[in-house]
Amino acid sequence: MKREFGHLTFLAAPLALAINAAVAEEVGKAVNTDDKQSTREALEEVIVTGVAQETRKFDATFNINTLDRSDIQQLAPHGTAELLGNIPGFFAEGGTAGETHNNVLVRGLPQAGGYRYVPNLIDGLPVYEEPEAPFMNNDVFIKTDLMTTSVEAVKGGPGAVLYSNALGAAVNYVTRTGTQDFEGEYKAEVGDWGHVRNDFYVAGPINDNFTYAVGGFYRTADGRRDPGFTGNEGGQLRGNILFTSDDARTTLKVQAHVIDDKTIYYQNIPFSVPNNRAPGTESDPFEIDPGSVNSLGVDFGSGTQLSDNIADYTLFDNNGNPLNLDIRNGINPEFDIFSLDFSHDLENGLRFESHFRFTDGSNGFNALFIDPPMETARVTGDQFTRIQSLTGDLGAAYASATEVKAYYADTVTGTDLSSATEAPAILSHNIPVYGKVDATNFTGDVRVSKSFEIASSDHELTLGIYGSDFTYDVFSVFASAWSDIGENARIVDFYAVDAAEQQVGPAITSGGMDQPAIFGLGAEATMKTQAFYLHDHIALLDDRLKLDVGVRWQELDVDRVTTNSYDPGNTSNDFTPDDVVVGSTEDTLADNFVNVPDGVPQKAQENYDAYGWSVGANYLLIENGGWGDVSVFGTVSDSFRLPGFEDYIFGGPATNPSTGEVVRGDLVEDIQQVEGGFRISQDELDLGVSLFYIDFKAKENLGATLDDLGATGYGGIPCSSVPAPADCPKIRDSYRQSVTNIGIELEADYQPSAIPGLRLQGSLVWQDPEQSQDNAIRSGIVEVDTDNDGVNDLREYEVSTSEGRRPRRQSEIMLNFRPAYTFNAIPLTVYGQVQYFSERFASDDSVNVTVYPEYTQVNLGLMYAATENMDIQLHVNNVNDADSFTEGTNITSESVFSDGIYTGVARPLMGRSVKASISYRF
């Protein structure tokens, strides 16, 4: 049963008016008394991530970045990815997919997207063990609200010793707990995209030993790219009760967290660019110029190909039953999460801690992927060739057809198509995607620590045991559909017609789909992992020298993974209803060629293990000197990532067509990291600089399944001929990538005493990631005209490698500059943000090399303390309407219109948006 708690939040609007009336008389009498945090206080901040016990940020032996409550308020992110984009070394692709299911990349590590190397934790534990499960990215669980007090990110070092899957980084969201002081806050927010959001929290004492905190949010919005329906709706509710013993030696916290949300998922937008040169090479890439890109009908800043008209589809499940897909449901997590934390200080410096979490629920994935656009004449011509090749009753049904035409589906009535409206000259090829995941996870982390002294050195030795049992049950279907291109797109159907434009034979499409199931996945998995780790924090030389030494061993038991995937190479099924006459005009070809999983499922029951270690040091070089406090730090680590579901389901172990055997390969990924730097802490300046080096080895991959062009197919015809014969033998190449990366990160916070009220914050990252690949692969097949007669007569392999190339969608330079000024005479702060990302490659391939341009985005805002307890904020995102793309397809000679114009799809930056909020603290 669907949980409903959103109706409670509809009380928010009258509550806001009541609060406003109650405090109106105080406006102008009071000023927010929260003192600005000095830079020295910032480095005195206590961190809880990457350490076995709380420690000062200034003393950390590793690279850690933090965002506190005031940072989050000023950044005003639209989702998790936008927030993470403010951490040096992270590229979050601007949140261009919407509030959830974005791609977050870290320090040049190669990945197609998601959160593969960046597990997100809440209070030190994952909500779900696998950060990049297909159709359930980590960020469906992470939704910051007023219950989030800070965000801490650890890159390298002890992060992978203390946490699971933290090969690149670990991000921890710290949750508010109650104190003996009653407090709370209510925040109402509106945006110019139909956005209304209500946040609240209340916390305080129950008695001398018990405190509580409860809060959450509910919002509704059309979407920053308005599809014509409500794109975002829902929220979360969470709370905790904390028990603290009279002597403060024992604590027990119980927490419940309910997520019931829906967010729209934006995909690429079709475009065309002038054909003024050949596709790119490694030495001469094709550079996309935003000024020369034609959107073909969808505004890059505010538009979307999604619309109410193309939101409904009828697919097929694995039993051949109709399956309704409603794109309006978007990304739809519904989860119950329960946590238990217990700690007790024993005698003689012993401390016991245990943390447990149970997660149960589901995530719906309802989306529309967009392929490069195609000319209508080409599509209908291909469809006409298709029906001409049919035999039997279907072939006879089309005997009198003279052509195939495309019509707007909502104008077709009956079989006389002469009055129907024909589709425009260019069509969008859409891929409706249905995905549903049911998942459970039970996680436990138990630690025993001992404080002791040996030879003038203080030790905090921690032994930990970690375990996680998790299940994953997924079903998905990918279909093929057609529409026009525009911000109110409409479905297009194809019909075979005679010379009088009367329908001949079955409709070729149904509801815009020519194939209601072309690819999909059915999988069930049960996995468990267990780890042991040992960590020692050592203080020497009167606490001037801090050392962290740690080691982790982890094992993954694949208790059962059963996958039943299918693709267009499988035998198609005919699901024509019994009451429909085959070959009649009431019939459709769409249900005659349906690929559903009907093969033999692949099963796996395997075991993996690995170990990693980290050694770090921090030395207080200068204390209270002319430069303030100065410390230097350095870390060396070797860590790993064990396989996840995606390694078994997409691009990982699979049947190799050339041998018929299931290929497992080496799925354990490994990284060595060396990092060192310094920190300066003054009353005016907080500066951190670090230099890092990474040596990363990815899992073994399998390339695309291709025809074996050296063999023959049906009837002995060579597979290299055009067109390809049926039943060509298949081949698949295996390869392994690696990456080395050297870079420097600078993070600063400057508050000059000469200009009271001015604050300059920011970060600058330069990196130079370079890939290696142990085997060039046959990545595709192209058709070639060998005798220049205008007819392709030969098929050849396209060979590609990532050797020596920068990983896809990774920038070399990333700048984040955040100035702010607080006026002395009035309680007003104005702030801004400038984010710069240098150019990025569309893919890792060495063929059709395409570069998407650099961009600079500017955000502005102001915060006004109307009273001591009430703040008003106005925030403008992308005020300069920055024009670029976070990802997109390569420009190729195959994706062209008849006039030679190149086509493709890309995901552009969100255009300018404005939101305002009022918050009241009590």
Foldseek 3Di string as FASTA:
>chain_A
DADDDVVVCVCVVVVVVVVCVVCVVFFPVFFAPPDDQFLQVQQQDWDDALDPDIDGNQFDQFDKDKAFPVNCVVQVDQADLSVVCFPPQKDFFQCLFGRDDTFIDGFQDFDPGAQQQEAEEEPLHQLAQGQCDVLDHSRLPDGDAPQFGMKMKTADFSNQQSHASNPGMYIYTYGDAADQDWKKKWKWKDWPQQKTKIWMKTKHAPDPFKIKMKIKMWMWGCGQQHQADTFKTFIKIKMKMWGADPVRQKIKMKMKMWGWIGHATAAWAWKFFFPPDAFQFPVGHAEDDLVRIGRQAADQFHFGQHHPQQQWDWFAAQVRDTDIAGSSRAKTWTKMKIKMWIKGQDPQQKIKIKIKMKMWTKIKHWHKYWWWKAFQVVVFQVVVVVLCPDDDLSVVQQPQFDTKFKFFPVQDDAFQCPRTHGDDGMKIKMKIKTKMKTKMKMKMKIKMWGWDDDPQKIKTKIKMKIKMKMKIWMKMFIFIFMWHHHRNITGMWMFGAHPSSGGTWETCADSRTNASGAKIKTKIWIKMKMKIKMWMWMAHDPRQKIKIKMKMKMKMWGQKMKMQIKHNLDFFAASWDPPDDHGDHNHYNRRHGYIHRPDHIDMDTDMDMDMKIKIKMKGFPDDCDPQHTKIKMKMKMKRKHADDPCLVHPFHFDQFLVVRDTDHFFQMKMKIKIKIWMWTGDSFKTKTKMKMKMKIKHTKGKADKDFPQVAAAPPRHGCFWPPGDPGGRIGIDIKIKIKMKIKMKMWMWGQDPVAHFKIKTKMKMAMDMFMAMPDWTQHDKDFDDPPPPPDGTTIDTDIWDLHGHRAFLAFRMWIKMKIKGADDVFRKMKIKIKIKGAKGWQHSTSPSTYIWGIKIFMKIKMWHCSHNFKIKIKIKGRPVQIWTFSHWDGFHQVQAYPVGITMIITSIHHGIMMMMMMMGMD
